[in-house]
Amino acid sequence: MASNCLTETPKGIILRLKIQPRAAKNEISGLQDDALKVRLTAPPVDGAANTACCAFFAQLLNLPKGSISIASGEKSRHKNLLIQTTDTNAVRKLLAPWLEPGKP
């Protein structure tokens, strides 16, 4: 059964995340409840983890940095990321390895 961490909206895709700051490397570590668990090397200080999160997903999804923003949860480990794109299928394909429970 596919995850509910992705929601399509008129503005783009909302991606629910659970962030672990100060990790050894930037990576998606799997699915936790209804969110992708993301490890980031940046500390949760002065928005550094938020900036790193947006940059990480922009690179992963091959999108401009300006098309990724924090929709909610700027001061929380639980965040909603807004991915502004018209190609939602491409985003789903790139995130597919992490959208099924128990993977990768």
PDB file of N, CA and C in Angstrom:
ATOM      1  N   MET A   1       0.846  -1.188   0.000  1.00  0.00           N
ATOM      2  CA  MET A   1       0.000   0.000   0.000  1.00  0.00           C
ATOM      3  C   MET A   1       0.885   1.242   0.000  1.00  0.00           C
ATOM      4  N   ALA A   2       0.605   2.176  -0.840  1.00  0.00           N
ATOM      5  CA  ALA A   2       1.435   3.367  -0.983  1.00  0.00           C
ATOM      6  C   ALA A   2       1.262   4.313   0.203  1.00  0.00           C
ATOM      7  N   SER A   3       2.263   5.113   0.431  1.00  0.00           N
ATOM      8  CA  SER A   3       2.266   6.070   1.524  1.00  0.00           C
ATOM      9  C   SER A   3       1.330   7.239   1.240  1.00  0.00           C
ATOM     10  N   ASN A   4       0.863   7.853   2.319  1.00  0.00           N
ATOM     11  CA  ASN A   4       0.037   9.050   2.204  1.00  0.00           C
ATOM     12  C   ASN A   4       0.856  10.308   2.454  1.00  0.00           C
ATOM     13  N   CYS A   5       2.167  10.233   2.304  1.00  0.00           N
ATOM     14  CA  CYS A   5       3.006  11.396   2.603  1.00  0.00           C
ATOM     15  C   CYS A   5       3.024  12.413   1.468  1.00  0.00           C
ATOM     16  N   LEU A   6       2.468  12.069   0.325  1.00  0.00           N
ATOM     17  CA  LEU A   6       2.407  12.969  -0.835  1.00  0.00           C
ATOM     18  C   LEU A   6       0.963  13.383  -1.092  1.00  0.00           C
ATOM     19  N   THR A   7       0.730  14.689  -1.205  1.00  0.00           N
ATOM     20  CA  THR A   7      -0.603  15.198  -1.502  1.00  0.00           C
ATOM     21  C   THR A   7      -0.499  16.218  -2.626  1.00  0.00           C
ATOM     22  N   GLU A   8      -1.287  16.041  -3.667  1.00  0.00           N
ATOM     23  CA  GLU A   8      -1.310  17.013  -4.762  1.00  0.00           C
ATOM     24  C   GLU A   8      -2.257  18.152  -4.407  1.00  0.00           C
ATOM     25  N   THR A   9      -1.805  19.382  -4.659  1.00  0.00           N
ATOM     26  CA  THR A   9      -2.602  20.584  -4.420  1.00  0.00           C
ATOM     27  C   THR A   9      -2.533  21.454  -5.673  1.00  0.00           C
ATOM     28  N   PRO A  10      -3.357  22.491  -5.760  1.00  0.00           N
ATOM     29  CA  PRO A  10      -3.266  23.391  -6.915  1.00  0.00           C
ATOM     30  C   PRO A  10      -1.895  24.080  -7.035  1.00  0.00           C
ATOM     31  N   LYS A  11      -1.184  24.246  -5.921  1.00  0.00           N
ATOM     32  CA  LYS A  11       0.125  24.903  -5.937  1.00  0.00           C
ATOM     33  C   LYS A  11       1.265  23.944  -6.259  1.00  0.00           C
ATOM     34  N   GLY A  12       1.023  22.661  -6.158  1.00  0.00           N
ATOM     35  CA  GLY A  12       2.072  21.663  -6.379  1.00  0.00           C
ATOM     36  C   GLY A  12       1.850  20.452  -5.497  1.00  0.00           C
ATOM     37  N   ILE A  13       2.936  19.883  -5.016  1.00  0.00           N
ATOM     38  CA  ILE A  13       2.867  18.691  -4.176  1.00  0.00           C
ATOM     39  C   ILE A  13       3.290  19.057  -2.762  1.00  0.00           C
ATOM     40  N   ILE A  14       2.520  18.588  -1.782  1.00  0.00           N
ATOM     41  CA  ILE A  14       2.915  18.705  -0.380  1.00  0.00           C
ATOM     42  C   ILE A  14       3.499  17.353   0.022  1.00  0.00           C
ATOM     43  N   LEU A  15       4.705  17.392   0.555  1.00  0.00           N
ATOM     44  CA  LEU A  15       5.406  16.191   0.996  1.00  0.00           C
ATOM     45  C   LEU A  15       5.618  16.297   2.499  1.00  0.00           C
ATOM     46  N   ARG A  16       5.065  15.336   3.249  1.00  0.00           N
ATOM     47  CA  ARG A  16       5.215  15.326   4.697  1.00  0.00           C
ATOM     48  C   ARG A  16       6.550  14.682   5.065  1.00  0.00           C
ATOM     49  N   LEU A  17       7.290  15.366   5.949  1.00  0.00           N
ATOM     50  CA  LEU A  17       8.622  14.916   6.332  1.00  0.00           C
ATOM     51  C   LEU A  17       8.779  14.867   7.842  1.00  0.00           C
ATOM     52  N   LYS A  18       9.639  13.969   8.288  1.00  0.00           N
ATOM     53  CA  LYS A  18      10.136  13.978   9.666  1.00  0.00           C
ATOM     54  C   LYS A  18      11.640  14.143   9.551  1.00  0.00           C
ATOM     55  N   ILE A  19      12.156  15.232  10.096  1.00  0.00           N
ATOM     56  CA  ILE A  19      13.558  15.601   9.932  1.00  0.00           C
ATOM     57  C   ILE A  19      14.386  15.166  11.137  1.00  0.00           C
ATOM     58  N   GLN A  20      15.556  14.609  10.859  1.00  0.00           N
ATOM     59  CA  GLN A  20      16.550  14.326  11.891  1.00  0.00           C
ATOM     60  C   GLN A  20      17.775  15.184  11.575  1.00  0.00           C
ATOM     61  N   PRO A  21      17.948  16.302  12.297  1.00  0.00           N
ATOM     62  CA  PRO A  21      19.106  17.160  12.029  1.00  0.00           C
ATOM     63  C   PRO A  21      20.389  16.578  12.621  1.00  0.00           C
ATOM     64  N   ARG A  22      21.511  17.146  12.229  1.00  0.00           N
ATOM     65  CA  ARG A  22      22.843  16.759  12.709  1.00  0.00           C
ATOM     66  C   ARG A  22      23.157  15.291  12.466  1.00  0.00           C
ATOM     67  N   ALA A  23      22.751  14.789  11.334  1.00  0.00           N
ATOM     68  CA  ALA A  23      23.040  13.399  10.959  1.00  0.00           C
ATOM     69  C   ALA A  23      24.411  13.335  10.284  1.00  0.00           C
ATOM     70  N   ALA A  24      24.883  12.126  10.045  1.00  0.00           N
ATOM     71  CA  ALA A  24      26.186  11.934   9.407  1.00  0.00           C
ATOM     72  C   ALA A  24      26.165  12.351   7.937  1.00  0.00           C
ATOM     73  N   LYS A  25      25.012  12.167   7.278  1.00  0.00           N
ATOM     74  CA  LYS A  25      24.905  12.569   5.877  1.00  0.00           C
ATOM     75  C   LYS A  25      23.458  12.896   5.543  1.00  0.00           C
ATOM     76  N   ASN A  26      23.268  13.609   4.436  1.00  0.00           N
ATOM     77  CA  ASN A  26      21.926  13.938   3.957  1.00  0.00           C
ATOM     78  C   ASN A  26      21.364  12.731   3.221  1.00  0.00           C
ATOM     79  N   GLU A  27      20.207  12.242   3.681  1.00  0.00           N
ATOM     80  CA  GLU A  27      19.596  11.084   3.033  1.00  0.00           C
ATOM     81  C   GLU A  27      18.153  10.918   3.481  1.00  0.00           C
ATOM     82  N   ILE A  28      17.395  10.210   2.657  1.00  0.00           N
ATOM     83  CA  ILE A  28      16.067   9.751   3.054  1.00  0.00           C
ATOM     84  C   ILE A  28      16.284   8.375   3.655  1.00  0.00           C
ATOM     85  N   SER A  29      15.840   8.192   4.891  1.00  0.00           N
ATOM     86  CA  SER A  29      16.110   6.925   5.565  1.00  0.00           C
ATOM     87  C   SER A  29      14.908   5.993   5.587  1.00  0.00           C
ATOM     88  N   GLY A  30      13.804   6.404   5.004  1.00  0.00           N
ATOM     89  CA  GLY A  30      12.652   5.515   4.937  1.00  0.00           C
ATOM     90  C   GLY A  30      11.349   6.237   5.202  1.00  0.00           C
ATOM     91  N   LEU A  31      10.357   5.451   5.505  1.00  0.00           N
ATOM     92  CA  LEU A  31       9.006   5.944   5.737  1.00  0.00           C
ATOM     93  C   LEU A  31       8.670   5.726   7.200  1.00  0.00           C
ATOM     94  N   GLN A  32       8.161   6.756   7.858  1.00  0.00           N
ATOM     95  CA  GLN A  32       7.751   6.631   9.251  1.00  0.00           C
ATOM     96  C   GLN A  32       6.354   7.208   9.388  1.00  0.00           C
ATOM     97  N   ASP A  33       5.420   6.365   9.762  1.00  0.00           N
ATOM     98  CA  ASP A  33       4.010   6.741   9.829  1.00  0.00           C
ATOM     99  C   ASP A  33       3.576   7.266   8.460  1.00  0.00           C
ATOM    100  N   ASP A  34       3.159   8.515   8.371  1.00  0.00           N
ATOM    101  CA  ASP A  34       2.735   9.064   7.076  1.00  0.00           C
ATOM    102  C   ASP A  34       3.714  10.125   6.586  1.00  0.00           C
ATOM    103  N   ALA A  35       5.000   9.958   6.907  1.00  0.00           N
ATOM    104  CA  ALA A  35       6.012  10.939   6.513  1.00  0.00           C
ATOM    105  C   ALA A  35       7.295  10.247   6.072  1.00  0.00           C
ATOM    106  N   LEU A  36       8.015  10.907   5.175  1.00  0.00           N
ATOM    107  CA  LEU A  36       9.352  10.437   4.822  1.00  0.00           C
ATOM    108  C   LEU A  36      10.299  10.883   5.925  1.00  0.00           C
ATOM    109  N   LYS A  37      11.134   9.971   6.398  1.00  0.00           N
ATOM    110  CA  LYS A  37      12.130  10.325   7.400  1.00  0.00           C
ATOM    111  C   LYS A  37      13.385  10.760   6.665  1.00  0.00           C
ATOM    112  N   VAL A  38      13.835  11.971   6.964  1.00  0.00           N
ATOM    113  CA  VAL A  38      14.967  12.574   6.268  1.00  0.00           C
ATOM    114  C   VAL A  38      16.044  12.939   7.281  1.00  0.00           C
ATOM    115  N   ARG A  39      17.261  12.499   7.011  1.00  0.00           N
ATOM    116  CA  ARG A  39      18.412  12.854   7.845  1.00  0.00           C
ATOM    117  C   ARG A  39      19.183  13.962   7.141  1.00  0.00           C
ATOM    118  N   LEU A  40      19.504  15.006   7.902  1.00  0.00           N
ATOM    119  CA  LEU A  40      20.243  16.149   7.358  1.00  0.00           C
ATOM    120  C   LEU A  40      21.453  16.447   8.231  1.00  0.00           C
ATOM    121  N   THR A  41      22.550  16.831   7.616  1.00  0.00           N
ATOM    122  CA  THR A  41      23.760  17.151   8.370  1.00  0.00           C
ATOM    123  C   THR A  41      23.651  18.496   9.081  1.00  0.00           C
ATOM    124  N   ALA A  42      22.817  19.377   8.606  1.00  0.00           N
ATOM    125  CA  ALA A  42      22.695  20.727   9.168  1.00  0.00           C
ATOM    126  C   ALA A  42      22.050  20.692  10.552  1.00  0.00           C
ATOM    127  N   PRO A  43      22.474  21.612  11.437  1.00  0.00           N
ATOM    128  CA  PRO A  43      21.840  21.711  12.754  1.00  0.00           C
ATOM    129  C   PRO A  43      20.526  22.486  12.652  1.00  0.00           C
ATOM    130  N   PRO A  44      19.641  22.293  13.620  1.00  0.00           N
ATOM    131  CA  PRO A  44      18.365  23.023  13.600  1.00  0.00           C
ATOM    132  C   PRO A  44      18.517  24.422  14.203  1.00  0.00           C
ATOM    133  N   VAL A  45      19.438  25.198  13.654  1.00  0.00           N
ATOM    134  CA  VAL A  45      19.752  26.523  14.186  1.00  0.00           C
ATOM    135  C   VAL A  45      19.632  27.555  13.064  1.00  0.00           C
ATOM    136  N   ASP A  46      18.926  28.632  13.350  1.00  0.00           N
ATOM    137  CA  ASP A  46      18.790  29.749  12.399  1.00  0.00           C
ATOM    138  C   ASP A  46      18.321  29.310  11.016  1.00  0.00           C
ATOM    139  N   GLY A  47      17.469  28.316  10.949  1.00  0.00           N
ATOM    140  CA  GLY A  47      16.914  27.873   9.673  1.00  0.00           C
ATOM    141  C   GLY A  47      17.858  27.056   8.810  1.00  0.00           C
ATOM    142  N   ALA A  48      19.002  26.650   9.356  1.00  0.00           N
ATOM    143  CA  ALA A  48      19.989  25.901   8.565  1.00  0.00           C
ATOM    144  C   ALA A  48      19.427  24.565   8.083  1.00  0.00           C
ATOM    145  N   ALA A  49      18.700  23.870   8.944  1.00  0.00           N
ATOM    146  CA  ALA A  49      18.136  22.575   8.546  1.00  0.00           C
ATOM    147  C   ALA A  49      17.048  22.762   7.486  1.00  0.00           C
ATOM    148  N   ASN A  50      16.264  23.827   7.590  1.00  0.00           N
ATOM    149  CA  ASN A  50      15.233  24.104   6.579  1.00  0.00           C
ATOM    150  C   ASN A  50      15.866  24.378   5.222  1.00  0.00           C
ATOM    151  N   THR A  51      16.918  25.181   5.219  1.00  0.00           N
ATOM    152  CA  THR A  51      17.624  25.494   3.975  1.00  0.00           C
ATOM    153  C   THR A  51      18.233  24.234   3.375  1.00  0.00           C
ATOM    154  N   ALA A  52      18.855  23.415   4.223  1.00  0.00           N
ATOM    155  CA  ALA A  52      19.463  22.167   3.757  1.00  0.00           C
ATOM    156  C   ALA A  52      18.405  21.214   3.213  1.00  0.00           C
ATOM    157  N   CYS A  53      17.249  21.182   3.856  1.00  0.00           N
ATOM    158  CA  CYS A  53      16.157  20.309   3.419  1.00  0.00           C
ATOM    159  C   CYS A  53      15.684  20.708   2.019  1.00  0.00           C
ATOM    160  N   CYS A  54      15.463  21.990   1.808  1.00  0.00           N
ATOM    161  CA  CYS A  54      15.009  22.465   0.491  1.00  0.00           C
ATOM    162  C   CYS A  54      16.061  22.193  -0.577  1.00  0.00           C
ATOM    163  N   ALA A  55      17.326  22.443  -0.251  1.00  0.00           N
ATOM    164  CA  ALA A  55      18.409  22.206  -1.214  1.00  0.00           C
ATOM    165  C   ALA A  55      18.542  20.719  -1.534  1.00  0.00           C
ATOM    166  N   PHE A  56      18.409  19.869  -0.516  1.00  0.00           N
ATOM    167  CA  PHE A  56      18.506  18.418  -0.713  1.00  0.00           C
ATOM    168  C   PHE A  56      17.426  17.927  -1.673  1.00  0.00           C
ATOM    169  N   PHE A  57      16.186  18.350  -1.449  1.00  0.00           N
ATOM    170  CA  PHE A  57      15.096  17.893  -2.314  1.00  0.00           C
ATOM    171  C   PHE A  57      15.157  18.523  -3.704  1.00  0.00           C
ATOM    172  N   ALA A  58      15.634  19.749  -3.810  1.00  0.00           N
ATOM    173  CA  ALA A  58      15.799  20.360  -5.134  1.00  0.00           C
ATOM    174  C   ALA A  58      16.795  19.548  -5.958  1.00  0.00           C
ATOM    175  N   GLN A  59      17.894  19.150  -5.335  1.00  0.00           N
ATOM    176  CA  GLN A  59      18.900  18.348  -6.044  1.00  0.00           C
ATOM    177  C   GLN A  59      18.357  16.957  -6.370  1.00  0.00           C
ATOM    178  N   LEU A  60      17.713  16.319  -5.406  1.00  0.00           N
ATOM    179  CA  LEU A  60      17.170  14.974  -5.598  1.00  0.00           C
ATOM    180  C   LEU A  60      16.141  14.935  -6.726  1.00  0.00           C
ATOM    181  N   LEU A  61      15.307  15.971  -6.798  1.00  0.00           N
ATOM    182  CA  LEU A  61      14.214  16.003  -7.771  1.00  0.00           C
ATOM    183  C   LEU A  61      14.573  16.753  -9.056  1.00  0.00           C
ATOM    184  N   ASN A  62      15.809  17.209  -9.158  1.00  0.00           N
ATOM    185  CA  ASN A  62      16.267  17.955 -10.337  1.00  0.00           C
ATOM    186  C   ASN A  62      15.392  19.177 -10.616  1.00  0.00           C
ATOM    187  N   LEU A  63      15.107  19.932  -9.562  1.00  0.00           N
ATOM    188  CA  LEU A  63      14.283  21.134  -9.670  1.00  0.00           C
ATOM    189  C   LEU A  63      15.075  22.343  -9.180  1.00  0.00           C
ATOM    190  N   PRO A  64      14.710  23.547  -9.612  1.00  0.00           N
ATOM    191  CA  PRO A  64      15.372  24.742  -9.087  1.00  0.00           C
ATOM    192  C   PRO A  64      15.098  24.887  -7.587  1.00  0.00           C
ATOM    193  N   LYS A  65      16.071  25.423  -6.851  1.00  0.00           N
ATOM    194  CA  LYS A  65      15.907  25.600  -5.403  1.00  0.00           C
ATOM    195  C   LYS A  65      14.678  26.438  -5.066  1.00  0.00           C
ATOM    196  N   GLY A  66      14.355  27.391  -5.917  1.00  0.00           N
ATOM    197  CA  GLY A  66      13.211  28.259  -5.667  1.00  0.00           C
ATOM    198  C   GLY A  66      11.861  27.566  -5.761  1.00  0.00           C
ATOM    199  N   SER A  67      11.829  26.365  -6.304  1.00  0.00           N
ATOM    200  CA  SER A  67      10.555  25.651  -6.438  1.00  0.00           C
ATOM    201  C   SER A  67      10.249  24.770  -5.227  1.00  0.00           C
ATOM    202  N   ILE A  68      11.151  24.758  -4.247  1.00  0.00           N
ATOM    203  CA  ILE A  68      10.966  23.956  -3.035  1.00  0.00           C
ATOM    204  C   ILE A  68      10.926  24.908  -1.846  1.00  0.00           C
ATOM    205  N   SER A  69       9.897  24.782  -1.007  1.00  0.00           N
ATOM    206  CA  SER A  69       9.807  25.639   0.179  1.00  0.00           C
ATOM    207  C   SER A  69       9.128  24.884   1.318  1.00  0.00           C
ATOM    208  N   ILE A  70       9.325  25.392   2.523  1.00  0.00           N
ATOM    209  CA  ILE A  70       8.676  24.812   3.695  1.00  0.00           C
ATOM    210  C   ILE A  70       7.279  25.424   3.782  1.00  0.00           C
ATOM    211  N   ALA A  71       6.250  24.595   3.642  1.00  0.00           N
ATOM    212  CA  ALA A  71       4.866  25.078   3.702  1.00  0.00           C
ATOM    213  C   ALA A  71       4.417  25.249   5.148  1.00  0.00           C
ATOM    214  N   SER A  72       4.873  24.353   6.024  1.00  0.00           N
ATOM    215  CA  SER A  72       4.566  24.464   7.449  1.00  0.00           C
ATOM    216  C   SER A  72       5.582  23.650   8.239  1.00  0.00           C
ATOM    217  N   GLY A  73       5.727  24.018   9.512  1.00  0.00           N
ATOM    218  CA  GLY A  73       6.645  23.293  10.384  1.00  0.00           C
ATOM    219  C   GLY A  73       8.058  23.833  10.385  1.00  0.00           C
ATOM    220  N   GLU A  74       8.224  25.128  10.147  1.00  0.00           N
ATOM    221  CA  GLU A  74       9.570  25.704  10.081  1.00  0.00           C
ATOM    222  C   GLU A  74      10.375  25.489  11.353  1.00  0.00           C
ATOM    223  N   LYS A  75       9.716  25.405  12.498  1.00  0.00           N
ATOM    224  CA  LYS A  75      10.430  25.236  13.766  1.00  0.00           C
ATOM    225  C   LYS A  75      10.147  23.880  14.394  1.00  0.00           C
ATOM    226  N   SER A  76       9.755  22.938  13.570  1.00  0.00           N
ATOM    227  CA  SER A  76       9.407  21.600  14.038  1.00  0.00           C
ATOM    228  C   SER A  76      10.176  20.560  13.240  1.00  0.00           C
ATOM    229  N   ARG A  77      10.312  19.378  13.807  1.00  0.00           N
ATOM    230  CA  ARG A  77      10.918  18.276  13.051  1.00  0.00           C
ATOM    231  C   ARG A  77       9.933  17.711  12.031  1.00  0.00           C
ATOM    232  N   HIS A  78       8.654  17.942  12.257  1.00  0.00           N
ATOM    233  CA  HIS A  78       7.617  17.513  11.317  1.00  0.00           C
ATOM    234  C   HIS A  78       7.320  18.685  10.391  1.00  0.00           C
ATOM    235  N   LYS A  79       7.586  18.502   9.106  1.00  0.00           N
ATOM    236  CA  LYS A  79       7.450  19.584   8.141  1.00  0.00           C
ATOM    237  C   LYS A  79       6.594  19.158   6.961  1.00  0.00           C
ATOM    238  N   ASN A  80       5.968  20.133   6.346  1.00  0.00           N
ATOM    239  CA  ASN A  80       5.315  19.947   5.056  1.00  0.00           C
ATOM    240  C   ASN A  80       6.111  20.749   4.048  1.00  0.00           C
ATOM    241  N   LEU A  81       6.616  20.056   3.050  1.00  0.00           N
ATOM    242  CA  LEU A  81       7.431  20.673   2.009  1.00  0.00           C
ATOM    243  C   LEU A  81       6.549  20.898   0.787  1.00  0.00           C
ATOM    244  N   LEU A  82       6.571  22.106   0.243  1.00  0.00           N
ATOM    245  CA  LEU A  82       5.824  22.406  -0.978  1.00  0.00           C
ATOM    246  C   LEU A  82       6.773  22.296  -2.156  1.00  0.00           C
ATOM    247  N   ILE A  83       6.433  21.414  -3.086  1.00  0.00           N
ATOM    248  CA  ILE A  83       7.209  21.219  -4.304  1.00  0.00           C
ATOM    249  C   ILE A  83       6.378  21.793  -5.443  1.00  0.00           C
ATOM    250  N   GLN A  84       6.801  22.939  -5.962  1.00  0.00           N
ATOM    251  CA  GLN A  84       6.047  23.610  -7.020  1.00  0.00           C
ATOM    252  C   GLN A  84       6.518  23.082  -8.370  1.00  0.00           C
ATOM    253  N   THR A  85       5.698  22.224  -8.954  1.00  0.00           N
ATOM    254  CA  THR A  85       6.008  21.646 -10.254  1.00  0.00           C
ATOM    255  C   THR A  85       4.718  21.243 -10.943  1.00  0.00           C
ATOM    256  N   THR A  86       4.752  21.213 -12.247  1.00  0.00           N
ATOM    257  CA  THR A  86       3.599  20.732 -13.006  1.00  0.00           C
ATOM    258  C   THR A  86       3.751  19.250 -13.333  1.00  0.00           C
ATOM    259  N   ASP A  87       4.945  18.707 -13.140  1.00  0.00           N
ATOM    260  CA  ASP A  87       5.214  17.304 -13.467  1.00  0.00           C
ATOM    261  C   ASP A  87       5.183  16.441 -12.203  1.00  0.00           C
ATOM    262  N   THR A  88       3.983  16.235 -11.670  1.00  0.00           N
ATOM    263  CA  THR A  88       3.859  15.470 -10.432  1.00  0.00           C
ATOM    264  C   THR A  88       4.244  14.005 -10.626  1.00  0.00           C
ATOM    265  N   ASN A  89       4.046  13.476 -11.817  1.00  0.00           N
ATOM    266  CA  ASN A  89       4.428  12.080 -12.068  1.00  0.00           C
ATOM    267  C   ASN A  89       5.928  11.881 -11.941  1.00  0.00           C
ATOM    268  N   ALA A  90       6.715  12.838 -12.406  1.00  0.00           N
ATOM    269  CA  ALA A  90       8.176  12.736 -12.296  1.00  0.00           C
ATOM    270  C   ALA A  90       8.605  12.736 -10.835  1.00  0.00           C
ATOM    271  N   VAL A  91       7.974  13.574 -10.019  1.00  0.00           N
ATOM    272  CA  VAL A  91       8.294  13.616  -8.589  1.00  0.00           C
ATOM    273  C   VAL A  91       7.954  12.280  -7.943  1.00  0.00           C
ATOM    274  N   ARG A  92       6.785  11.744  -8.253  1.00  0.00           N
ATOM    275  CA  ARG A  92       6.391  10.446  -7.694  1.00  0.00           C
ATOM    276  C   ARG A  92       7.372   9.343  -8.093  1.00  0.00           C
ATOM    277  N   LYS A  93       7.825   9.353  -9.338  1.00  0.00           N
ATOM    278  CA  LYS A  93       8.771   8.329  -9.801  1.00  0.00           C
ATOM    279  C   LYS A  93      10.103   8.436  -9.069  1.00  0.00           C
ATOM    280  N   LEU A  94      10.589   9.663  -8.884  1.00  0.00           N
ATOM    281  CA  LEU A  94      11.866   9.849  -8.203  1.00  0.00           C
ATOM    282  C   LEU A  94      11.800   9.468  -6.725  1.00  0.00           C
ATOM    283  N   LEU A  95      10.641   9.654  -6.111  1.00  0.00           N
ATOM    284  CA  LEU A  95      10.481   9.324  -4.693  1.00  0.00           C
ATOM    285  C   LEU A  95       9.961   7.905  -4.461  1.00  0.00           C
ATOM    286  N   ALA A  96       9.602   7.209  -5.517  1.00  0.00           N
ATOM    287  CA  ALA A  96       8.990   5.880  -5.415  1.00  0.00           C
ATOM    288  C   ALA A  96       9.754   4.893  -4.529  1.00  0.00           C
ATOM    289  N   PRO A  97      11.084   4.859  -4.576  1.00  0.00           N
ATOM    290  CA  PRO A  97      11.788   3.878  -3.738  1.00  0.00           C
ATOM    291  C   PRO A  97      11.505   4.032  -2.245  1.00  0.00           C
ATOM    292  N   TRP A  98      11.103   5.218  -1.809  1.00  0.00           N
ATOM    293  CA  TRP A  98      10.867   5.450  -0.386  1.00  0.00           C
ATOM    294  C   TRP A  98       9.389   5.515  -0.020  1.00  0.00           C
ATOM    295  N   LEU A  99       8.497   5.441  -0.991  1.00  0.00           N
ATOM    296  CA  LEU A  99       7.076   5.637  -0.719  1.00  0.00           C
ATOM    297  C   LEU A  99       6.334   4.369  -0.309  1.00  0.00           C
ATOM    298  N   GLU A 100       6.968   3.237  -0.382  1.00  0.00           N
ATOM    299  CA  GLU A 100       6.339   1.987   0.046  1.00  0.00           C
ATOM    300  C   GLU A 100       6.863   1.613   1.426  1.00  0.00           C
ATOM    301  N   PRO A 101       5.987   1.195   2.343  1.00  0.00           N
ATOM    302  CA  PRO A 101       6.441   0.779   3.670  1.00  0.00           C
ATOM    303  C   PRO A 101       7.488  -0.333   3.571  1.00  0.00           C
ATOM    304  N   GLY A 102       8.515  -0.227   4.415  1.00  0.00           N
ATOM    305  CA  GLY A 102       9.555  -1.252   4.442  1.00  0.00           C
ATOM    306  C   GLY A 102      10.635  -1.074   3.408  1.00  0.00           C
ATOM    307  N   LYS A 103      10.618   0.022   2.628  1.00  0.00           N
ATOM    308  CA  LYS A 103      11.621   0.248   1.584  1.00  0.00           C
ATOM    309  C   LYS A 103      12.325   1.565   1.829  1.00  0.00           C
ATOM    310  N   PRO A 104      13.498   1.795   1.327  1.00  0.00           N
ATOM    311  CA  PRO A 104      14.377   0.798   0.734  1.00  0.00           C
ATOM    312  C   PRO A 104      15.049  -0.047   1.778  1.00  0.00           C
TER     313      PRO A 104
END
